[in-house]
Amino acid sequence: MDEYTVTIAFDDEAQKWYAQNDDIPIILEDYSLDTLINRVKLAAPEMLEINNMPHAGIYLAFKMEAQAVMA
């Protein structure tokens, strides 16, 4: 089973969530975190197949990135 870590971050200015993984490759955005995660789950196997990479039985790990704002 291949494992991919998808990094998720929130952009305060755009008020959107972003998900990215360079190995798949995939980058998606959405206003809803739940919707974004579901979109990644659907799109990741398709992107792997398009790029002729193994796509059956993949495991996606989601990592949240926090952004600190210094005042």
PDB file of N, CA and C in Angstrom:
ATOM      1  N   MET A   1       0.843  -1.177   0.000  1.00  0.00           N
ATOM      2  CA  MET A   1       0.000   0.000   0.000  1.00  0.00           C
ATOM      3  C   MET A   1       0.890   1.242   0.000  1.00  0.00           C
ATOM      4  N   ASP A   2       0.639   2.140  -0.929  1.00  0.00           N
ATOM      5  CA  ASP A   2       1.391   3.389  -1.009  1.00  0.00           C
ATOM      6  C   ASP A   2       0.724   4.445  -0.135  1.00  0.00           C
ATOM      7  N   GLU A   3       1.534   5.178   0.628  1.00  0.00           N
ATOM      8  CA  GLU A   3       1.014   6.227   1.504  1.00  0.00           C
ATOM      9  C   GLU A   3       1.465   7.586   1.001  1.00  0.00           C
ATOM     10  N   TYR A   4       0.542   8.526   0.985  1.00  0.00           N
ATOM     11  CA  TYR A   4       0.818   9.898   0.575  1.00  0.00           C
ATOM     12  C   TYR A   4       0.328  10.830   1.672  1.00  0.00           C
ATOM     13  N   THR A   5       1.171  11.785   2.045  1.00  0.00           N
ATOM     14  CA  THR A   5       0.782  12.787   3.030  1.00  0.00           C
ATOM     15  C   THR A   5       0.346  14.042   2.295  1.00  0.00           C
ATOM     16  N   VAL A   6      -0.888  14.439   2.540  1.00  0.00           N
ATOM     17  CA  VAL A   6      -1.462  15.628   1.913  1.00  0.00           C
ATOM     18  C   VAL A   6      -1.431  16.747   2.950  1.00  0.00           C
ATOM     19  N   THR A   7      -0.782  17.837   2.603  1.00  0.00           N
ATOM     20  CA  THR A   7      -0.690  18.983   3.505  1.00  0.00           C
ATOM     21  C   THR A   7      -1.896  19.883   3.300  1.00  0.00           C
ATOM     22  N   ILE A   8      -2.528  20.248   4.416  1.00  0.00           N
ATOM     23  CA  ILE A   8      -3.696  21.125   4.371  1.00  0.00           C
ATOM     24  C   ILE A   8      -3.395  22.386   5.164  1.00  0.00           C
ATOM     25  N   ALA A   9      -3.736  23.528   4.578  1.00  0.00           N
ATOM     26  CA  ALA A   9      -3.523  24.817   5.245  1.00  0.00           C
ATOM     27  C   ALA A   9      -4.703  25.732   4.927  1.00  0.00           C
ATOM     28  N   PHE A  10      -4.940  26.683   5.829  1.00  0.00           N
ATOM     29  CA  PHE A  10      -6.009  27.655   5.632  1.00  0.00           C
ATOM     30  C   PHE A  10      -5.399  28.998   5.290  1.00  0.00           C
ATOM     31  N   ASP A  11      -5.911  29.627   4.250  1.00  0.00           N
ATOM     32  CA  ASP A  11      -5.466  30.956   3.837  1.00  0.00           C
ATOM     33  C   ASP A  11      -6.476  31.968   4.381  1.00  0.00           C
ATOM     34  N   ASP A  12      -6.052  32.731   5.392  1.00  0.00           N
ATOM     35  CA  ASP A  12      -6.950  33.699   6.017  1.00  0.00           C
ATOM     36  C   ASP A  12      -7.436  34.769   5.044  1.00  0.00           C
ATOM     37  N   GLU A  13      -6.545  35.213   4.176  1.00  0.00           N
ATOM     38  CA  GLU A  13      -6.907  36.281   3.240  1.00  0.00           C
ATOM     39  C   GLU A  13      -7.964  35.804   2.241  1.00  0.00           C
ATOM     40  N   ALA A  14      -7.776  34.616   1.699  1.00  0.00           N
ATOM     41  CA  ALA A  14      -8.717  34.079   0.714  1.00  0.00           C
ATOM     42  C   ALA A  14      -9.903  33.376   1.370  1.00  0.00           C
ATOM     43  N   GLN A  15      -9.781  33.070   2.673  1.00  0.00           N
ATOM     44  CA  GLN A  15     -10.806  32.343   3.414  1.00  0.00           C
ATOM     45  C   GLN A  15     -11.104  30.988   2.773  1.00  0.00           C
ATOM     46  N   LYS A  16     -10.011  30.294   2.371  1.00  0.00           N
ATOM     47  CA  LYS A  16     -10.131  28.980   1.738  1.00  0.00           C
ATOM     48  C   LYS A  16      -9.121  28.023   2.354  1.00  0.00           C
ATOM     49  N   TRP A  17      -9.465  26.739   2.274  1.00  0.00           N
ATOM     50  CA  TRP A  17      -8.566  25.660   2.647  1.00  0.00           C
ATOM     51  C   TRP A  17      -7.849  25.180   1.387  1.00  0.00           C
ATOM     52  N   TYR A  18      -6.574  24.812   1.529  1.00  0.00           N
ATOM     53  CA  TYR A  18      -5.790  24.296   0.420  1.00  0.00           C
ATOM     54  C   TYR A  18      -5.211  22.936   0.790  1.00  0.00           C
ATOM     55  N   ALA A  19      -5.199  22.015  -0.157  1.00  0.00           N
ATOM     56  CA  ALA A  19      -4.598  20.693   0.025  1.00  0.00           C
ATOM     57  C   ALA A  19      -3.583  20.483  -1.083  1.00  0.00           C
ATOM     58  N   GLN A  20      -2.400  19.968  -0.701  1.00  0.00           N
ATOM     59  CA  GLN A  20      -1.339  19.803  -1.699  1.00  0.00           C
ATOM     60  C   GLN A  20      -0.483  18.586  -1.398  1.00  0.00           C
ATOM     61  N   ASN A  21      -0.103  17.899  -2.475  1.00  0.00           N
ATOM     62  CA  ASN A  21       0.893  16.839  -2.422  1.00  0.00           C
ATOM     63  C   ASN A  21       1.610  16.844  -3.758  1.00  0.00           C
ATOM     64  N   ASP A  22       2.924  17.023  -3.722  1.00  0.00           N
ATOM     65  CA  ASP A  22       3.707  17.109  -4.956  1.00  0.00           C
ATOM     66  C   ASP A  22       3.950  15.747  -5.598  1.00  0.00           C
ATOM     67  N   ASP A  23       3.876  14.671  -4.822  1.00  0.00           N
ATOM     68  CA  ASP A  23       4.136  13.335  -5.365  1.00  0.00           C
ATOM     69  C   ASP A  23       2.983  12.814  -6.217  1.00  0.00           C
ATOM     70  N   ILE A  24       1.767  13.271  -5.945  1.00  0.00           N
ATOM     71  CA  ILE A  24       0.606  12.704  -6.656  1.00  0.00           C
ATOM     72  C   ILE A  24       0.524  13.188  -8.100  1.00  0.00           C
ATOM     73  N   PRO A  25       0.688  14.355  -8.554  1.00  0.00           N
ATOM     74  CA  PRO A  25       0.651  15.683  -7.963  1.00  0.00           C
ATOM     75  C   PRO A  25      -0.781  16.208  -7.884  1.00  0.00           C
ATOM     76  N   ILE A  26      -1.055  16.939  -6.801  1.00  0.00           N
ATOM     77  CA  ILE A  26      -2.401  17.464  -6.622  1.00  0.00           C
ATOM     78  C   ILE A  26      -2.350  18.737  -5.790  1.00  0.00           C
ATOM     79  N   ILE A  27      -3.181  19.690  -6.156  1.00  0.00           N
ATOM     80  CA  ILE A  27      -3.431  20.870  -5.331  1.00  0.00           C
ATOM     81  C   ILE A  27      -4.878  21.267  -5.563  1.00  0.00           C
ATOM     82  N   LEU A  28      -5.619  21.361  -4.468  1.00  0.00           N
ATOM     83  CA  LEU A  28      -7.038  21.703  -4.539  1.00  0.00           C
ATOM     84  C   LEU A  28      -7.345  22.751  -3.486  1.00  0.00           C
ATOM     85  N   GLU A  29      -8.446  23.463  -3.667  1.00  0.00           N
ATOM     86  CA  GLU A  29      -8.883  24.454  -2.689  1.00  0.00           C
ATOM     87  C   GLU A  29     -10.395  24.369  -2.531  1.00  0.00           C
ATOM     88  N   ASP A  30     -10.866  24.774  -1.356  1.00  0.00           N
ATOM     89  CA  ASP A  30     -12.305  24.803  -1.110  1.00  0.00           C
ATOM     90  C   ASP A  30     -12.572  25.657   0.126  1.00  0.00           C
ATOM     91  N   TYR A  31     -13.784  26.153   0.239  1.00  0.00           N
ATOM     92  CA  TYR A  31     -14.171  26.921   1.415  1.00  0.00           C
ATOM     93  C   TYR A  31     -14.457  26.023   2.612  1.00  0.00           C
ATOM     94  N   SER A  32     -14.781  24.773   2.363  1.00  0.00           N
ATOM     95  CA  SER A  32     -15.117  23.814   3.417  1.00  0.00           C
ATOM     96  C   SER A  32     -14.009  22.768   3.557  1.00  0.00           C
ATOM     97  N   LEU A  33     -13.545  22.550   4.774  1.00  0.00           N
ATOM     98  CA  LEU A  33     -12.509  21.547   5.016  1.00  0.00           C
ATOM     99  C   LEU A  33     -13.015  20.151   4.694  1.00  0.00           C
ATOM    100  N   ASP A  34     -14.224  19.827   5.122  1.00  0.00           N
ATOM    101  CA  ASP A  34     -14.790  18.494   4.851  1.00  0.00           C
ATOM    102  C   ASP A  34     -14.928  18.227   3.356  1.00  0.00           C
ATOM    103  N   THR A  35     -15.405  19.219   2.622  1.00  0.00           N
ATOM    104  CA  THR A  35     -15.550  19.073   1.176  1.00  0.00           C
ATOM    105  C   THR A  35     -14.190  18.910   0.519  1.00  0.00           C
ATOM    106  N   LEU A  36     -13.207  19.666   0.985  1.00  0.00           N
ATOM    107  CA  LEU A  36     -11.863  19.574   0.420  1.00  0.00           C
ATOM    108  C   LEU A  36     -11.282  18.173   0.615  1.00  0.00           C
ATOM    109  N   ILE A  37     -11.398  17.629   1.811  1.00  0.00           N
ATOM    110  CA  ILE A  37     -10.876  16.289   2.077  1.00  0.00           C
ATOM    111  C   ILE A  37     -11.559  15.258   1.187  1.00  0.00           C
ATOM    112  N   ASN A  38     -12.859  15.361   1.028  1.00  0.00           N
ATOM    113  CA  ASN A  38     -13.577  14.438   0.137  1.00  0.00           C
ATOM    114  C   ASN A  38     -13.125  14.581  -1.307  1.00  0.00           C
ATOM    115  N   ARG A  39     -12.882  15.805  -1.744  1.00  0.00           N
ATOM    116  CA  ARG A  39     -12.408  16.029  -3.113  1.00  0.00           C
ATOM    117  C   ARG A  39     -11.037  15.411  -3.327  1.00  0.00           C
ATOM    118  N   VAL A  40     -10.157  15.531  -2.317  1.00  0.00           N
ATOM    119  CA  VAL A  40      -8.818  14.936  -2.416  1.00  0.00           C
ATOM    120  C   VAL A  40      -8.936  13.416  -2.515  1.00  0.00           C
ATOM    121  N   LYS A  41      -9.803  12.824  -1.708  1.00  0.00           N
ATOM    122  CA  LYS A  41      -9.988  11.366  -1.730  1.00  0.00           C
ATOM    123  C   LYS A  41     -10.451  10.874  -3.098  1.00  0.00           C
ATOM    124  N   LEU A  42     -11.246  11.670  -3.780  1.00  0.00           N
ATOM    125  CA  LEU A  42     -11.717  11.295  -5.121  1.00  0.00           C
ATOM    126  C   LEU A  42     -10.673  11.579  -6.201  1.00  0.00           C
ATOM    127  N   ALA A  43      -9.992  12.715  -6.080  1.00  0.00           N
ATOM    128  CA  ALA A  43      -9.076  13.146  -7.138  1.00  0.00           C
ATOM    129  C   ALA A  43      -7.725  12.440  -7.102  1.00  0.00           C
ATOM    130  N   ALA A  44      -7.242  12.078  -5.925  1.00  0.00           N
ATOM    131  CA  ALA A  44      -5.898  11.493  -5.805  1.00  0.00           C
ATOM    132  C   ALA A  44      -5.723  10.232  -6.648  1.00  0.00           C
ATOM    133  N   PRO A  45      -6.612   9.235  -6.544  1.00  0.00           N
ATOM    134  CA  PRO A  45      -6.428   8.042  -7.391  1.00  0.00           C
ATOM    135  C   PRO A  45      -6.483   8.363  -8.888  1.00  0.00           C
ATOM    136  N   GLU A  46      -7.340   9.303  -9.270  1.00  0.00           N
ATOM    137  CA  GLU A  46      -7.449   9.691 -10.679  1.00  0.00           C
ATOM    138  C   GLU A  46      -6.151  10.335 -11.166  1.00  0.00           C
ATOM    139  N   MET A  47      -5.564  11.213 -10.345  1.00  0.00           N
ATOM    140  CA  MET A  47      -4.312  11.867 -10.732  1.00  0.00           C
ATOM    141  C   MET A  47      -3.169  10.860 -10.829  1.00  0.00           C
ATOM    142  N   LEU A  48      -3.136   9.898  -9.908  1.00  0.00           N
ATOM    143  CA  LEU A  48      -2.101   8.865  -9.970  1.00  0.00           C
ATOM    144  C   LEU A  48      -2.247   8.036 -11.239  1.00  0.00           C
ATOM    145  N   GLU A  49      -3.474   7.694 -11.584  1.00  0.00           N
ATOM    146  CA  GLU A  49      -3.720   6.908 -12.802  1.00  0.00           C
ATOM    147  C   GLU A  49      -3.301   7.693 -14.039  1.00  0.00           C
ATOM    148  N   ILE A  50      -3.647   8.966 -14.087  1.00  0.00           N
ATOM    149  CA  ILE A  50      -3.273   9.818 -15.220  1.00  0.00           C
ATOM    150  C   ILE A  50      -1.760   9.865 -15.387  1.00  0.00           C
ATOM    151  N   ASN A  51      -1.042   9.847 -14.268  1.00  0.00           N
ATOM    152  CA  ASN A  51       0.424   9.928 -14.291  1.00  0.00           C
ATOM    153  C   ASN A  51       1.083   8.552 -14.301  1.00  0.00           C
ATOM    154  N   ASN A  52       0.298   7.513 -14.638  1.00  0.00           N
ATOM    155  CA  ASN A  52       0.811   6.140 -14.743  1.00  0.00           C
ATOM    156  C   ASN A  52       1.520   5.670 -13.477  1.00  0.00           C
ATOM    157  N   MET A  53       0.957   6.014 -12.330  1.00  0.00           N
ATOM    158  CA  MET A  53       1.494   5.601 -11.043  1.00  0.00           C
ATOM    159  C   MET A  53       0.511   4.625 -10.399  1.00  0.00           C
ATOM    160  N   PRO A  54       0.984   3.716  -9.537  1.00  0.00           N
ATOM    161  CA  PRO A  54       0.064   2.800  -8.863  1.00  0.00           C
ATOM    162  C   PRO A  54      -0.995   3.585  -8.093  1.00  0.00           C
ATOM    163  N   HIS A  55      -2.251   3.200  -8.267  1.00  0.00           N
ATOM    164  CA  HIS A  55      -3.323   3.967  -7.641  1.00  0.00           C
ATOM    165  C   HIS A  55      -4.320   3.097  -6.869  1.00  0.00           C
ATOM    166  N   ALA A  56      -4.124   1.791  -6.886  1.00  0.00           N
ATOM    167  CA  ALA A  56      -5.032   0.902  -6.148  1.00  0.00           C
ATOM    168  C   ALA A  56      -4.518   0.757  -4.717  1.00  0.00           C
ATOM    169  N   GLY A  57      -5.411   0.877  -3.761  1.00  0.00           N
ATOM    170  CA  GLY A  57      -5.053   0.657  -2.374  1.00  0.00           C
ATOM    171  C   GLY A  57      -4.149   1.718  -1.776  1.00  0.00           C
ATOM    172  N   ILE A  58      -4.296   2.961  -2.199  1.00  0.00           N
ATOM    173  CA  ILE A  58      -3.454   4.015  -1.632  1.00  0.00           C
ATOM    174  C   ILE A  58      -4.002   4.435  -0.267  1.00  0.00           C
ATOM    175  N   TYR A  59      -3.129   4.986   0.554  1.00  0.00           N
ATOM    176  CA  TYR A  59      -3.507   5.511   1.862  1.00  0.00           C
ATOM    177  C   TYR A  59      -3.145   6.987   1.882  1.00  0.00           C
ATOM    178  N   LEU A  60      -4.125   7.830   2.218  1.00  0.00           N
ATOM    179  CA  LEU A  60      -3.889   9.267   2.296  1.00  0.00           C
ATOM    180  C   LEU A  60      -3.849   9.693   3.755  1.00  0.00           C
ATOM    181  N   ALA A  61      -2.765  10.328   4.147  1.00  0.00           N
ATOM    182  CA  ALA A  61      -2.640  10.913   5.478  1.00  0.00           C
ATOM    183  C   ALA A  61      -2.741  12.428   5.311  1.00  0.00           C
ATOM    184  N   PHE A  62      -3.537  13.066   6.155  1.00  0.00           N
ATOM    185  CA  PHE A  62      -3.730  14.511   6.057  1.00  0.00           C
ATOM    186  C   PHE A  62      -2.987  15.197   7.205  1.00  0.00           C
ATOM    187  N   LYS A  63      -2.161  16.197   6.850  1.00  0.00           N
ATOM    188  CA  LYS A  63      -1.361  16.936   7.826  1.00  0.00           C
ATOM    189  C   LYS A  63      -1.777  18.398   7.775  1.00  0.00           C
ATOM    190  N   MET A  64      -2.221  18.917   8.903  1.00  0.00           N
ATOM    191  CA  MET A  64      -2.626  20.321   8.974  1.00  0.00           C
ATOM    192  C   MET A  64      -1.402  21.170   9.260  1.00  0.00           C
ATOM    193  N   GLU A  65      -1.279  22.257   8.502  1.00  0.00           N
ATOM    194  CA  GLU A  65      -0.199  23.211   8.705  1.00  0.00           C
ATOM    195  C   GLU A  65      -0.760  24.476   9.317  1.00  0.00           C
ATOM    196  N   ALA A  66      -0.167  24.913  10.408  1.00  0.00           N
ATOM    197  CA  ALA A  66      -0.587  26.158  11.041  1.00  0.00           C
ATOM    198  C   ALA A  66       0.324  27.280  10.578  1.00  0.00           C
ATOM    199  N   GLN A  67      -0.266  28.432  10.403  1.00  0.00           N
ATOM    200  CA  GLN A  67       0.510  29.604  10.004  1.00  0.00           C
ATOM    201  C   GLN A  67       0.437  30.622  11.125  1.00  0.00           C
ATOM    202  N   ALA A  68       1.580  30.990  11.648  1.00  0.00           N
ATOM    203  CA  ALA A  68       1.637  31.967  12.737  1.00  0.00           C
ATOM    204  C   ALA A  68       1.772  33.377  12.170  1.00  0.00           C
ATOM    205  N   VAL A  69       1.062  34.292  12.771  1.00  0.00           N
ATOM    206  CA  VAL A  69       1.140  35.682  12.362  1.00  0.00           C
ATOM    207  C   VAL A  69       1.799  36.460  13.488  1.00  0.00           C
ATOM    208  N   MET A  70       2.898  37.102  13.179  1.00  0.00           N
ATOM    209  CA  MET A  70       3.629  37.883  14.171  1.00  0.00           C
ATOM    210  C   MET A  70       3.174  39.332  14.091  1.00  0.00           C
ATOM    211  N   ALA A  71       2.842  39.909  15.244  1.00  0.00           N
ATOM    212  CA  ALA A  71       2.385  41.296  15.273  1.00  0.00           C
ATOM    213  C   ALA A  71       3.471  42.204  15.791  1.00  0.00           C
TER     214      ALA A  71
END
